[in-house]
N, C-alpha and C. Protein backbone atom coordinates (compact mmCIF):
# COMPACT_ATOMS: atom_id res chain seq x y z
N MET A 1 38.53 5.81 -47.20
CA MET A 1 39.95 5.14 -47.21
C MET A 1 39.43 3.58 -46.65
N ASN A 2 38.39 3.44 -45.56
CA ASN A 2 38.12 1.91 -45.76
C ASN A 2 37.11 1.44 -47.06
N LYS A 3 36.49 2.45 -47.74
CA LYS A 3 36.00 1.59 -48.66
C LYS A 3 36.81 1.43 -50.04
N LEU A 4 37.93 1.75 -50.00
CA LEU A 4 39.15 1.57 -50.65
C LEU A 4 39.83 0.28 -50.47
N ILE A 5 40.23 0.22 -49.08
CA ILE A 5 40.66 -0.95 -48.42
C ILE A 5 39.67 -1.87 -48.65
N LEU A 6 38.54 -2.04 -48.64
CA LEU A 6 37.16 -2.97 -48.98
C LEU A 6 37.32 -3.45 -50.48
N GLY A 7 37.30 -2.47 -51.25
CA GLY A 7 37.46 -2.65 -52.54
C GLY A 7 38.90 -3.37 -53.16
N ILE A 8 39.86 -2.84 -52.51
CA ILE A 8 41.49 -3.61 -53.15
C ILE A 8 41.15 -5.20 -52.33
N LEU A 9 40.61 -5.46 -51.37
CA LEU A 9 40.34 -6.98 -50.74
C LEU A 9 39.14 -8.03 -51.87
N VAL A 10 38.52 -6.77 -51.76
CA VAL A 10 37.27 -7.88 -53.24
C VAL A 10 38.36 -8.29 -53.97
N LEU A 11 38.94 -7.18 -54.83
CA LEU A 11 39.55 -7.66 -55.99
C LEU A 11 40.36 -8.94 -55.92
N ILE A 12 41.13 -8.82 -54.74
CA ILE A 12 42.43 -9.60 -54.66
C ILE A 12 41.45 -11.01 -54.50
N CYS A 13 40.57 -11.16 -53.28
CA CYS A 13 39.77 -12.12 -53.21
C CYS A 13 39.00 -12.70 -54.41
N GLY A 14 38.44 -11.80 -55.12
CA GLY A 14 37.54 -12.41 -56.22
C GLY A 14 38.35 -13.10 -57.30
N ALA A 15 39.86 -12.52 -57.31
CA ALA A 15 40.44 -13.37 -58.27
C ALA A 15 41.24 -14.54 -57.89
N VAL A 16 40.76 -14.76 -56.73
CA VAL A 16 41.13 -16.32 -56.70
C VAL A 16 39.74 -17.14 -56.32
N THR A 17 38.58 -16.60 -56.28
CA THR A 17 37.55 -17.70 -55.96
C THR A 17 37.62 -18.42 -56.96
N ALA A 18 37.50 -18.35 -58.33
CA ALA A 18 37.24 -19.41 -58.97
C ALA A 18 38.25 -20.69 -59.12
N ASN A 19 39.78 -19.75 -58.78
CA ASN A 19 40.83 -20.78 -59.05
C ASN A 19 42.07 -20.80 -57.67
N ALA A 20 42.77 -21.75 -57.61
CA ALA A 20 43.52 -21.82 -56.83
C ALA A 20 45.11 -21.44 -57.45
N HIS A 21 45.35 -20.07 -57.34
CA HIS A 21 46.63 -19.98 -58.05
C HIS A 21 47.70 -20.15 -57.46
N PRO A 22 48.95 -20.45 -58.44
CA PRO A 22 50.25 -20.95 -58.03
C PRO A 22 51.04 -19.29 -57.54
N VAL A 23 50.34 -18.37 -58.15
CA VAL A 23 50.71 -16.78 -57.45
C VAL A 23 49.69 -16.22 -57.30
N SER A 24 49.78 -15.71 -55.87
CA SER A 24 48.47 -15.24 -55.28
C SER A 24 49.19 -13.29 -55.01
N PHE A 25 48.62 -12.64 -54.19
CA PHE A 25 49.07 -11.20 -53.96
C PHE A 25 50.29 -11.17 -53.39
N GLN A 26 51.10 -9.95 -53.69
CA GLN A 26 52.37 -10.12 -53.01
C GLN A 26 52.20 -10.13 -51.51
N GLY A 27 53.23 -10.86 -51.17
CA GLY A 27 53.20 -11.03 -49.52
C GLY A 27 52.29 -11.93 -48.91
N ALA A 28 51.36 -12.92 -49.74
CA ALA A 28 50.85 -13.76 -49.66
C ALA A 28 51.39 -15.47 -49.13
N VAL A 29 50.96 -15.78 -48.13
CA VAL A 29 50.96 -17.28 -47.95
C VAL A 29 49.98 -18.19 -48.38
N SER A 30 50.11 -18.90 -49.32
CA SER A 30 49.13 -19.82 -49.63
C SER A 30 49.35 -21.53 -49.31
N LEU A 31 48.41 -22.27 -48.57
CA LEU A 31 48.44 -23.70 -48.55
C LEU A 31 47.34 -24.38 -49.25
N MET A 32 47.58 -25.04 -50.35
CA MET A 32 46.67 -26.02 -51.03
C MET A 32 46.86 -27.38 -50.88
N SER A 33 45.80 -27.87 -50.80
CA SER A 33 46.04 -29.36 -50.94
C SER A 33 44.79 -30.38 -51.77
N TYR A 34 45.27 -31.53 -52.06
CA TYR A 34 44.48 -32.07 -53.44
C TYR A 34 44.27 -33.52 -53.31
N ASN A 35 43.56 -34.01 -52.74
CA ASN A 35 43.27 -35.57 -52.52
C ASN A 35 42.09 -36.11 -53.34
N LYS A 36 42.75 -37.19 -53.45
CA LYS A 36 41.41 -38.46 -53.83
C LYS A 36 42.31 -39.96 -53.85
N GLU A 37 41.60 -40.90 -53.93
CA GLU A 37 41.90 -42.12 -53.62
C GLU A 37 43.17 -42.51 -54.35
N LYS A 38 44.17 -42.94 -53.47
CA LYS A 38 45.37 -43.24 -53.84
C LYS A 38 46.14 -42.28 -54.62
N GLU A 39 45.97 -40.74 -54.09
CA GLU A 39 46.73 -39.70 -54.56
C GLU A 39 46.43 -38.31 -53.31
N ASN A 40 47.64 -37.89 -53.43
CA ASN A 40 47.51 -36.67 -52.07
C ASN A 40 48.73 -35.61 -52.49
N GLU A 41 48.26 -34.27 -52.65
CA GLU A 41 49.20 -33.29 -53.04
C GLU A 41 49.13 -32.18 -52.07
N LEU A 42 50.43 -31.71 -51.59
CA LEU A 42 50.21 -30.80 -50.79
C LEU A 42 51.21 -29.66 -51.33
N LEU A 43 50.91 -28.08 -51.45
CA LEU A 43 51.73 -27.36 -52.20
C LEU A 43 51.40 -26.01 -51.03
N LEU A 44 52.55 -25.71 -50.63
CA LEU A 44 52.81 -24.51 -49.74
C LEU A 44 53.71 -23.49 -50.58
N THR A 45 52.84 -22.09 -50.87
CA THR A 45 53.49 -21.17 -51.98
C THR A 45 53.62 -19.67 -50.88
N TYR A 46 54.91 -19.26 -51.18
CA TYR A 46 54.83 -17.61 -50.60
C TYR A 46 55.28 -16.80 -51.78
N SER A 47 54.02 -15.87 -52.10
CA SER A 47 54.17 -14.56 -53.44
C SER A 47 55.25 -13.66 -52.64
N PHE A 48 56.45 -13.32 -53.20
CA PHE A 48 57.11 -12.59 -52.70
C PHE A 48 57.18 -11.40 -53.93
N ASP A 49 56.44 -11.48 -54.59
CA ASP A 49 56.44 -10.41 -55.41
C ASP A 49 54.73 -10.71 -56.45
N ARG A 50 54.35 -9.98 -57.13
CA ARG A 50 52.87 -10.14 -57.63
C ARG A 50 53.22 -10.84 -58.87
N GLN A 51 54.22 -11.27 -59.45
CA GLN A 51 54.38 -12.14 -60.41
C GLN A 51 55.34 -13.20 -60.10
N TRP A 52 55.82 -13.55 -58.89
CA TRP A 52 56.67 -14.59 -58.68
C TRP A 52 56.36 -15.22 -57.49
N ALA A 53 56.16 -16.47 -57.18
CA ALA A 53 56.27 -17.14 -55.94
C ALA A 53 57.33 -18.19 -55.93
N VAL A 54 57.54 -18.84 -54.30
CA VAL A 54 58.38 -19.60 -54.14
C VAL A 54 57.86 -20.75 -53.59
N GLY A 55 57.79 -22.21 -53.71
CA GLY A 55 56.78 -22.98 -52.77
C GLY A 55 57.27 -24.33 -52.43
N LEU A 56 56.76 -25.33 -51.97
CA LEU A 56 57.26 -26.67 -51.52
C LEU A 56 56.05 -27.54 -52.05
N ASN A 57 56.40 -28.76 -52.89
CA ASN A 57 55.35 -29.27 -53.37
C ASN A 57 55.44 -30.84 -52.99
N TYR A 58 54.59 -31.21 -52.34
CA TYR A 58 54.55 -32.75 -51.97
C TYR A 58 53.58 -33.81 -52.80
N PHE A 59 54.19 -34.69 -53.58
CA PHE A 59 52.58 -35.42 -54.28
C PHE A 59 53.19 -36.86 -53.97
N LYS A 60 52.05 -37.71 -53.41
CA LYS A 60 52.39 -38.59 -53.32
C LYS A 60 51.31 -39.92 -53.80
N MET A 61 51.59 -40.72 -54.72
CA MET A 61 50.69 -42.15 -55.13
C MET A 61 51.19 -43.33 -54.42
N GLU A 62 50.62 -44.35 -55.07
CA GLU A 62 50.66 -45.67 -54.56
C GLU A 62 52.18 -45.96 -54.08
N ASN A 63 52.80 -46.17 -55.51
CA ASN A 63 54.56 -46.37 -55.25
C ASN A 63 55.28 -45.56 -55.07
N PHE A 64 55.20 -44.00 -55.00
CA PHE A 64 55.90 -43.11 -55.17
C PHE A 64 55.83 -42.00 -54.42
N GLU A 65 56.66 -41.23 -53.82
CA GLU A 65 56.50 -39.93 -53.25
C GLU A 65 57.58 -38.81 -54.18
N PHE A 66 56.99 -37.65 -54.04
CA PHE A 66 57.71 -36.45 -54.77
C PHE A 66 57.83 -35.42 -53.77
N THR A 67 58.99 -34.34 -53.46
CA THR A 67 59.11 -33.44 -52.54
C THR A 67 59.82 -32.75 -53.39
N ILE A 68 59.21 -31.72 -53.89
CA ILE A 68 60.15 -30.76 -55.07
C ILE A 68 60.01 -28.79 -54.48
N PRO A 69 61.06 -28.45 -53.88
CA PRO A 69 60.81 -27.12 -53.98
C PRO A 69 60.81 -26.51 -55.50
N ARG A 70 59.86 -25.23 -55.57
CA ARG A 70 59.68 -24.92 -57.01
C ARG A 70 59.44 -23.62 -56.98
N ILE A 71 59.49 -22.70 -58.06
CA ILE A 71 59.45 -21.55 -58.43
C ILE A 71 58.14 -21.31 -59.36
N ASN A 72 57.10 -20.29 -59.19
CA ASN A 72 56.11 -20.06 -59.72
C ASN A 72 55.98 -18.77 -60.57
N PHE A 73 55.92 -18.36 -61.92
CA PHE A 73 56.01 -17.07 -62.43
C PHE A 73 54.89 -16.77 -62.87
N LEU A 74 54.08 -15.70 -62.82
CA LEU A 74 52.63 -15.22 -63.61
C LEU A 74 53.23 -14.71 -64.99
N ALA A 75 53.09 -15.52 -66.25
CA ALA A 75 53.91 -15.20 -67.21
C ALA A 75 52.89 -14.22 -68.13
N LYS A 76 51.68 -13.86 -68.09
CA LYS A 76 50.97 -13.11 -68.49
C LYS A 76 49.39 -12.83 -67.89
N ARG A 77 48.86 -11.90 -67.37
CA ARG A 77 47.92 -11.96 -67.17
C ARG A 77 46.60 -10.75 -67.90
N TRP A 78 45.65 -10.78 -68.15
CA TRP A 78 44.59 -9.84 -68.74
C TRP A 78 43.60 -9.61 -68.03
N ASN A 79 43.65 -8.44 -67.79
CA ASN A 79 42.31 -7.60 -66.77
C ASN A 79 41.20 -6.93 -67.67
N ASN A 80 39.68 -7.38 -67.65
CA ASN A 80 38.92 -7.01 -68.37
C ASN A 80 37.82 -6.23 -67.51
N ASP A 81 36.99 -5.96 -67.65
CA ASP A 81 36.07 -5.04 -66.93
C ASP A 81 35.52 -6.13 -65.76
N ASP A 82 35.25 -7.40 -66.22
CA ASP A 82 34.21 -8.47 -65.46
C ASP A 82 34.96 -9.78 -65.68
N SER A 83 36.16 -9.87 -66.12
CA SER A 83 36.75 -11.30 -66.01
C SER A 83 38.27 -10.77 -65.90
N GLN A 84 38.99 -11.88 -65.69
CA GLN A 84 40.55 -12.08 -65.72
C GLN A 84 41.32 -13.31 -66.45
N GLY A 85 42.08 -12.98 -67.21
CA GLY A 85 42.99 -14.38 -67.60
C GLY A 85 44.45 -14.47 -66.90
N ASN A 86 44.89 -15.64 -66.96
CA ASN A 86 46.26 -15.89 -66.60
C ASN A 86 46.61 -17.13 -67.04
N ILE A 87 48.05 -16.79 -67.41
CA ILE A 87 49.10 -18.07 -67.80
C ILE A 87 50.40 -18.20 -66.58
N TYR A 88 50.46 -19.37 -66.41
CA TYR A 88 51.37 -19.56 -65.50
C TYR A 88 52.58 -20.06 -65.63
N LEU A 89 53.66 -20.41 -65.03
CA LEU A 89 54.72 -21.48 -65.62
C LEU A 89 55.60 -21.59 -64.32
N SER A 90 55.88 -23.00 -64.04
CA SER A 90 56.41 -23.75 -62.79
C SER A 90 57.36 -24.28 -63.12
N ALA A 91 58.48 -24.39 -62.19
CA ALA A 91 59.70 -25.26 -62.46
C ALA A 91 60.35 -25.79 -61.15
N GLY A 92 60.52 -26.68 -60.80
CA GLY A 92 60.93 -27.28 -59.88
C GLY A 92 62.17 -28.54 -59.90
N TYR A 93 62.84 -28.84 -58.74
CA TYR A 93 63.59 -30.20 -58.79
C TYR A 93 63.75 -30.29 -57.40
N GLY A 94 63.58 -31.75 -56.98
CA GLY A 94 63.50 -32.28 -55.90
C GLY A 94 64.00 -33.75 -56.08
N SER A 95 63.07 -34.62 -54.85
CA SER A 95 63.30 -35.97 -54.50
C SER A 95 62.24 -36.60 -54.93
N ASP A 96 62.73 -37.92 -55.50
CA ASP A 96 61.50 -39.16 -55.66
C ASP A 96 61.77 -40.11 -54.92
N ARG A 97 61.03 -40.59 -54.05
CA ARG A 97 61.40 -41.70 -53.18
C ARG A 97 60.15 -43.08 -53.64
N SER A 98 60.86 -44.05 -53.94
CA SER A 98 59.88 -45.01 -54.63
C SER A 98 60.72 -46.55 -54.54
N TYR A 99 60.11 -47.45 -54.17
CA TYR A 99 60.97 -48.55 -54.31
C TYR A 99 62.04 -49.15 -53.50
N ASP A 100 61.99 -48.18 -52.28
CA ASP A 100 63.16 -47.96 -50.86
C ASP A 100 64.39 -47.48 -51.67
N GLU A 101 64.17 -46.29 -52.63
CA GLU A 101 65.36 -45.70 -53.29
C GLU A 101 64.94 -44.32 -53.32
N ILE A 102 66.02 -43.17 -53.39
CA ILE A 102 65.51 -41.76 -53.30
C ILE A 102 66.62 -41.74 -54.67
N LYS A 103 65.39 -40.63 -55.53
CA LYS A 103 66.32 -40.34 -57.14
C LYS A 103 66.03 -38.83 -57.21
N GLY A 104 66.49 -38.10 -58.17
CA GLY A 104 66.06 -36.93 -58.40
C GLY A 104 64.82 -36.99 -59.42
N VAL A 105 63.92 -35.76 -59.13
CA VAL A 105 63.10 -35.55 -60.13
C VAL A 105 62.66 -34.38 -60.25
N ALA A 106 62.73 -33.72 -61.61
CA ALA A 106 62.51 -32.40 -62.11
C ALA A 106 60.77 -32.07 -62.30
N LEU A 107 60.20 -30.96 -62.26
CA LEU A 107 58.92 -30.94 -62.61
C LEU A 107 58.92 -29.51 -63.53
N GLY A 108 58.06 -29.63 -64.37
CA GLY A 108 57.49 -28.49 -65.30
C GLY A 108 56.35 -28.53 -65.31
N SER A 109 55.59 -27.27 -65.55
CA SER A 109 54.25 -27.26 -65.62
C SER A 109 53.63 -25.98 -66.31
N VAL A 110 52.50 -25.79 -66.79
CA VAL A 110 52.20 -24.44 -67.28
C VAL A 110 50.62 -24.89 -67.12
N GLU A 111 50.07 -23.26 -66.82
CA GLU A 111 48.68 -23.55 -66.37
C GLU A 111 48.01 -22.42 -66.84
N ALA A 112 46.87 -22.50 -67.66
CA ALA A 112 46.11 -21.48 -67.93
C ALA A 112 44.62 -21.48 -67.31
N ASP A 113 44.21 -20.14 -67.45
CA ASP A 113 42.92 -19.82 -66.59
C ASP A 113 41.92 -18.84 -67.39
N TRP A 114 40.52 -18.57 -67.35
CA TRP A 114 39.89 -17.65 -67.43
C TRP A 114 38.69 -17.64 -66.40
N GLU A 115 38.38 -16.38 -65.85
CA GLU A 115 37.45 -16.18 -64.91
C GLU A 115 36.74 -15.15 -65.06
N SER A 116 35.52 -15.20 -64.55
CA SER A 116 34.72 -14.15 -64.15
C SER A 116 33.92 -14.59 -62.95
N ARG A 117 32.87 -13.66 -62.57
CA ARG A 117 32.29 -14.06 -61.28
C ARG A 117 31.00 -14.98 -61.60
N LYS A 118 30.92 -15.39 -62.49
CA LYS A 118 29.88 -16.27 -62.89
C LYS A 118 30.28 -17.73 -63.61
N TYR A 119 31.42 -17.61 -64.31
CA TYR A 119 32.30 -18.67 -64.97
C TYR A 119 33.54 -18.59 -65.06
N TYR A 120 34.22 -19.78 -64.91
CA TYR A 120 35.56 -19.97 -65.18
C TYR A 120 35.89 -21.37 -65.96
N THR A 121 37.18 -21.32 -66.12
CA THR A 121 37.79 -22.61 -66.93
C THR A 121 39.04 -22.33 -66.78
N SER A 122 39.58 -23.61 -66.99
CA SER A 122 41.42 -23.80 -66.57
C SER A 122 41.84 -24.92 -67.11
N ILE A 123 43.12 -25.03 -67.73
CA ILE A 123 43.94 -26.25 -67.73
C ILE A 123 45.26 -26.03 -67.23
N GLN A 124 45.67 -27.29 -67.04
CA GLN A 124 46.61 -27.18 -66.44
C GLN A 124 47.96 -28.66 -66.97
N TYR A 125 48.94 -28.41 -67.15
CA TYR A 125 49.83 -29.79 -67.76
C TYR A 125 50.77 -29.78 -66.70
N ASN A 126 51.35 -30.85 -66.29
CA ASN A 126 52.27 -31.22 -65.11
C ASN A 126 52.88 -32.33 -65.82
N LYS A 127 54.68 -32.29 -65.86
CA LYS A 127 55.49 -33.50 -66.12
C LYS A 127 56.36 -33.42 -65.15
N PHE A 128 56.64 -34.41 -64.45
CA PHE A 128 57.61 -34.93 -63.49
C PHE A 128 58.76 -35.74 -64.16
N PHE A 129 59.72 -35.21 -64.78
CA PHE A 129 60.72 -35.46 -65.00
C PHE A 129 61.93 -36.70 -63.91
N ARG A 130 61.79 -38.35 -63.99
CA ARG A 130 62.14 -39.01 -63.12
C ARG A 130 63.49 -39.53 -63.50
N GLN A 131 64.62 -39.29 -62.63
CA GLN A 131 66.11 -39.70 -63.30
C GLN A 131 65.63 -41.66 -62.93
N ASP A 132 66.57 -42.25 -63.91
CA ASP A 132 66.43 -43.39 -64.68
C ASP A 132 64.86 -44.17 -65.14
N SER A 133 64.26 -42.94 -65.98
CA SER A 133 62.94 -42.66 -66.07
C SER A 133 62.58 -44.00 -67.53
N ASP A 134 63.80 -44.23 -67.95
CA ASP A 134 64.03 -45.55 -68.86
C ASP A 134 63.59 -47.00 -68.26
N LYS A 135 63.59 -46.82 -67.05
CA LYS A 135 63.01 -48.19 -66.21
C LYS A 135 61.67 -48.16 -66.24
N ALA A 136 61.40 -49.35 -66.32
CA ALA A 136 60.01 -49.74 -66.38
C ALA A 136 58.83 -49.52 -65.10
N ASP A 137 59.86 -49.41 -63.82
CA ASP A 137 58.89 -48.94 -62.77
C ASP A 137 59.62 -47.62 -62.45
N ARG A 138 60.10 -46.67 -63.01
CA ARG A 138 60.36 -45.06 -62.77
C ARG A 138 59.94 -44.55 -64.05
N THR A 139 59.27 -44.55 -64.82
CA THR A 139 58.63 -43.56 -65.91
C THR A 139 58.49 -42.61 -65.48
N ASP A 140 58.74 -41.27 -66.57
CA ASP A 140 57.85 -40.16 -66.05
C ASP A 140 56.57 -40.15 -65.86
N TYR A 141 56.07 -39.05 -65.27
CA TYR A 141 54.81 -39.16 -64.83
C TYR A 141 54.24 -37.62 -65.63
N GLU A 142 52.97 -37.68 -66.33
CA GLU A 142 52.55 -36.59 -66.66
C GLU A 142 51.08 -36.66 -66.45
N HIS A 143 50.68 -35.14 -66.17
CA HIS A 143 49.09 -34.98 -65.63
C HIS A 143 48.56 -33.95 -66.31
N ILE A 144 47.64 -33.90 -66.91
CA ILE A 144 46.79 -32.75 -67.75
C ILE A 144 45.38 -32.91 -67.09
N LYS A 145 45.03 -31.88 -66.45
CA LYS A 145 43.91 -31.37 -65.84
C LYS A 145 42.68 -30.09 -66.42
N GLY A 146 41.83 -30.34 -66.77
CA GLY A 146 41.07 -29.32 -67.27
C GLY A 146 40.06 -29.15 -66.58
N ARG A 147 39.19 -28.12 -66.28
CA ARG A 147 38.09 -27.40 -65.47
C ARG A 147 37.12 -26.55 -66.11
N LEU A 148 35.96 -26.96 -65.58
CA LEU A 148 34.80 -25.81 -65.94
C LEU A 148 33.76 -25.57 -64.85
N GLY A 149 33.76 -24.10 -64.56
CA GLY A 149 32.68 -24.04 -63.25
C GLY A 149 31.86 -23.37 -63.88
N VAL A 150 30.86 -23.23 -62.73
CA VAL A 150 29.74 -21.84 -63.04
C VAL A 150 29.60 -21.56 -61.29
N ALA A 151 28.93 -20.26 -61.14
CA ALA A 151 28.45 -20.01 -59.80
C ALA A 151 27.11 -20.08 -60.09
N PRO A 152 26.36 -20.79 -59.24
CA PRO A 152 24.68 -20.63 -59.44
C PRO A 152 23.91 -19.58 -58.82
N TYR A 153 24.91 -18.60 -58.04
CA TYR A 153 24.25 -17.63 -57.69
C TYR A 153 25.61 -16.80 -57.65
N LEU A 154 25.25 -15.34 -57.52
CA LEU A 154 26.45 -14.25 -57.22
C LEU A 154 26.55 -13.64 -55.94
N ALA A 155 27.48 -13.68 -55.24
CA ALA A 155 27.90 -13.42 -53.58
C ALA A 155 28.76 -12.37 -53.64
N GLU A 156 28.83 -11.72 -52.52
CA GLU A 156 29.64 -10.91 -52.28
C GLU A 156 30.82 -11.65 -51.04
N PHE A 157 32.16 -10.52 -51.11
CA PHE A 157 33.03 -11.49 -50.69
C PHE A 157 32.88 -11.41 -49.07
N SER A 158 31.94 -11.16 -48.57
CA SER A 158 31.68 -11.44 -47.42
C SER A 158 31.07 -12.52 -46.70
N GLU A 159 30.11 -12.96 -48.00
CA GLU A 159 29.53 -14.15 -48.09
C GLU A 159 29.72 -15.16 -48.54
N LEU A 160 28.98 -16.42 -48.06
CA LEU A 160 29.50 -17.79 -48.86
C LEU A 160 29.33 -17.68 -50.25
N ASN A 161 30.04 -17.92 -51.05
CA ASN A 161 30.45 -18.21 -52.46
C ASN A 161 30.44 -19.61 -52.63
N THR A 162 29.63 -20.33 -53.64
CA THR A 162 29.47 -21.78 -54.00
C THR A 162 29.74 -21.80 -55.58
N TRP A 163 30.53 -22.83 -56.02
CA TRP A 163 30.31 -23.20 -57.45
C TRP A 163 30.55 -24.47 -57.52
N LEU A 164 29.83 -25.04 -58.87
CA LEU A 164 29.76 -26.05 -59.48
C LEU A 164 30.67 -26.50 -60.33
N ILE A 165 31.49 -27.47 -60.41
CA ILE A 165 32.68 -27.61 -60.95
C ILE A 165 32.44 -28.85 -61.75
N VAL A 166 33.06 -29.22 -63.07
CA VAL A 166 33.50 -30.59 -63.53
C VAL A 166 34.57 -30.51 -63.82
N GLN A 167 35.55 -31.55 -63.45
CA GLN A 167 36.91 -31.77 -63.78
C GLN A 167 37.39 -33.20 -64.45
N PHE A 168 38.32 -32.83 -65.77
CA PHE A 168 38.53 -33.90 -66.31
C PHE A 168 40.54 -34.30 -66.02
N ASP A 169 40.68 -34.93 -65.83
CA ASP A 169 42.00 -35.56 -65.47
C ASP A 169 42.54 -36.79 -66.37
N LYS A 170 43.86 -36.66 -66.98
CA LYS A 170 44.61 -37.36 -67.97
C LYS A 170 45.77 -37.64 -67.38
N GLU A 171 46.03 -38.86 -66.89
CA GLU A 171 47.48 -39.62 -66.44
C GLU A 171 48.12 -40.59 -67.24
N ASN A 172 49.37 -40.26 -67.65
CA ASN A 172 50.01 -40.90 -68.36
C ASN A 172 48.83 -41.76 -69.14
N ASP A 173 48.97 -43.09 -69.32
CA ASP A 173 48.21 -43.83 -70.00
C ASP A 173 46.93 -44.37 -69.75
N LYS A 174 46.56 -43.79 -68.64
CA LYS A 174 45.10 -44.02 -67.76
C LYS A 174 44.04 -43.44 -68.82
N ALA A 175 43.00 -43.48 -68.54
CA ALA A 175 41.58 -43.39 -69.30
C ALA A 175 41.33 -41.94 -68.61
N ILE A 176 40.71 -40.83 -69.21
CA ILE A 176 40.38 -40.06 -68.99
C ILE A 176 39.38 -39.96 -67.94
N GLU A 177 39.72 -39.45 -66.53
CA GLU A 177 38.56 -39.67 -65.11
C GLU A 177 37.98 -38.48 -65.06
N THR A 178 36.95 -38.06 -64.72
CA THR A 178 35.59 -37.18 -64.74
C THR A 178 35.11 -37.15 -63.71
N THR A 179 35.72 -35.86 -62.42
CA THR A 179 35.12 -35.73 -61.14
C THR A 179 34.25 -34.56 -61.09
N GLN A 180 33.25 -34.35 -60.31
CA GLN A 180 32.24 -33.43 -60.18
C GLN A 180 32.30 -32.65 -58.78
N PHE A 181 32.61 -31.56 -58.55
CA PHE A 181 32.89 -30.81 -57.58
C PHE A 181 31.66 -29.74 -57.22
N ILE A 182 31.62 -29.75 -55.62
CA ILE A 182 30.96 -28.43 -55.34
C ILE A 182 31.98 -27.51 -54.25
N ARG A 183 31.52 -26.32 -54.71
CA ARG A 183 33.30 -25.59 -54.12
C ARG A 183 32.52 -24.92 -53.35
N MET A 184 32.98 -24.23 -52.14
CA MET A 184 32.19 -23.66 -51.00
C MET A 184 33.57 -22.32 -50.87
N PHE A 185 33.24 -21.35 -51.00
CA PHE A 185 34.42 -20.33 -50.73
C PHE A 185 33.77 -19.08 -49.65
N TYR A 186 34.88 -18.77 -48.54
CA TYR A 186 34.47 -17.75 -47.72
C TYR A 186 35.92 -17.26 -47.35
N LYS A 187 35.78 -15.83 -47.80
CA LYS A 187 37.06 -15.20 -47.41
C LYS A 187 38.09 -15.75 -48.16
N ASN A 188 39.15 -16.16 -47.01
CA ASN A 188 40.31 -16.53 -47.51
C ASN A 188 40.41 -18.05 -47.48
N ALA A 189 39.16 -18.94 -47.31
CA ALA A 189 39.34 -20.29 -47.11
C ALA A 189 38.26 -20.78 -48.21
N MET A 190 38.64 -22.00 -48.91
CA MET A 190 37.87 -22.71 -49.84
C MET A 190 37.77 -24.24 -49.51
N ILE A 191 37.02 -25.27 -49.71
CA ILE A 191 36.81 -26.31 -49.73
C ILE A 191 36.14 -26.99 -50.98
N GLU A 192 36.37 -28.06 -51.12
CA GLU A 192 35.94 -28.81 -52.73
C GLU A 192 35.75 -30.23 -52.28
N LEU A 193 34.23 -30.36 -52.22
CA LEU A 193 33.83 -32.06 -52.32
C LEU A 193 33.46 -32.31 -53.47
N GLY A 194 33.94 -33.70 -54.00
CA GLY A 194 33.68 -34.18 -55.11
C GLY A 194 33.65 -35.45 -55.45
N ALA A 195 33.05 -36.15 -56.21
CA ALA A 195 32.52 -37.55 -56.62
C ALA A 195 33.44 -37.85 -57.97
N THR A 196 33.96 -38.98 -58.18
CA THR A 196 34.17 -39.06 -59.78
C THR A 196 32.97 -39.99 -60.38
N ILE A 197 32.83 -39.89 -61.63
CA ILE A 197 31.91 -40.78 -62.23
C ILE A 197 31.62 -42.49 -61.64
N GLY A 198 33.22 -42.80 -61.66
CA GLY A 198 33.47 -44.55 -61.08
C GLY A 198 32.81 -44.50 -59.96
N GLY A 199 32.60 -43.32 -59.08
CA GLY A 199 32.23 -43.56 -57.49
C GLY A 199 33.28 -43.36 -56.80
N GLY A 200 34.54 -42.57 -56.90
CA GLY A 200 35.23 -42.28 -56.25
C GLY A 200 35.30 -41.17 -55.52
N TRP A 201 35.95 -40.65 -54.04
CA TRP A 201 35.76 -39.53 -53.60
C TRP A 201 36.79 -38.53 -53.87
N ALA A 202 36.96 -37.62 -53.97
CA ALA A 202 37.84 -36.16 -53.73
C ALA A 202 37.42 -35.26 -52.68
N PHE A 203 38.50 -34.65 -52.26
CA PHE A 203 38.60 -33.42 -51.14
C PHE A 203 39.86 -32.71 -51.34
N ASN A 204 39.04 -31.15 -51.69
CA ASN A 204 40.46 -30.11 -51.67
C ASN A 204 40.18 -29.06 -50.76
N TYR A 205 41.02 -28.35 -50.55
CA TYR A 205 41.34 -27.24 -49.60
C TYR A 205 42.40 -26.28 -49.83
N MET A 206 41.78 -24.78 -49.47
CA MET A 206 42.88 -23.91 -50.00
C MET A 206 42.76 -22.93 -48.94
N VAL A 207 43.85 -21.93 -48.47
CA VAL A 207 43.57 -20.94 -47.48
C VAL A 207 44.90 -19.91 -47.60
N HIS A 208 44.48 -18.89 -47.60
CA HIS A 208 45.58 -17.90 -48.02
C HIS A 208 45.75 -17.32 -46.40
N PHE A 209 46.95 -16.84 -46.51
CA PHE A 209 47.25 -15.88 -44.74
C PHE A 209 47.86 -14.46 -45.45
């Protein structure tokens, strides 16, 4: 029985080693934070089913803050002998605080990933639909994020897992930004330390309860 429980834990935690998923195992509470210069995001989720999670998303840039309750859905999963693929859909509606005003904002998101113990890749598209988006200071916000990762060595669940990651970001009409990360994952906690090609910093973390 103990071996069975350990095997289940390894399977669960191995599935999140390479990526912070918007839907985790049933009953899990997840706290995720993504931070870089002039941009911070915090996401708290509760997976009440193996395919569904509810969450609260806080996103801040220089000129605005979004606070959005959201629902996440695991639309498709592929389980292979040594790898896994997933497609997730998310939607939400909340408040947009900017320029001393509070307006409505809606979120639509799609995310796909594939991972093994050695490699992983993911792509995510987020769009925030802002009230009065026809105004020059309140346009919709789009973000595309792609990631490639490799583990320089294979470690067990009870050991420190390390990943080397390169991330590509495209926000609205800005140029593509490239960030290099080192990820350290131990049991239910993960941190990422990164630097952009232009010399900026990045720091992410994730905890599962």
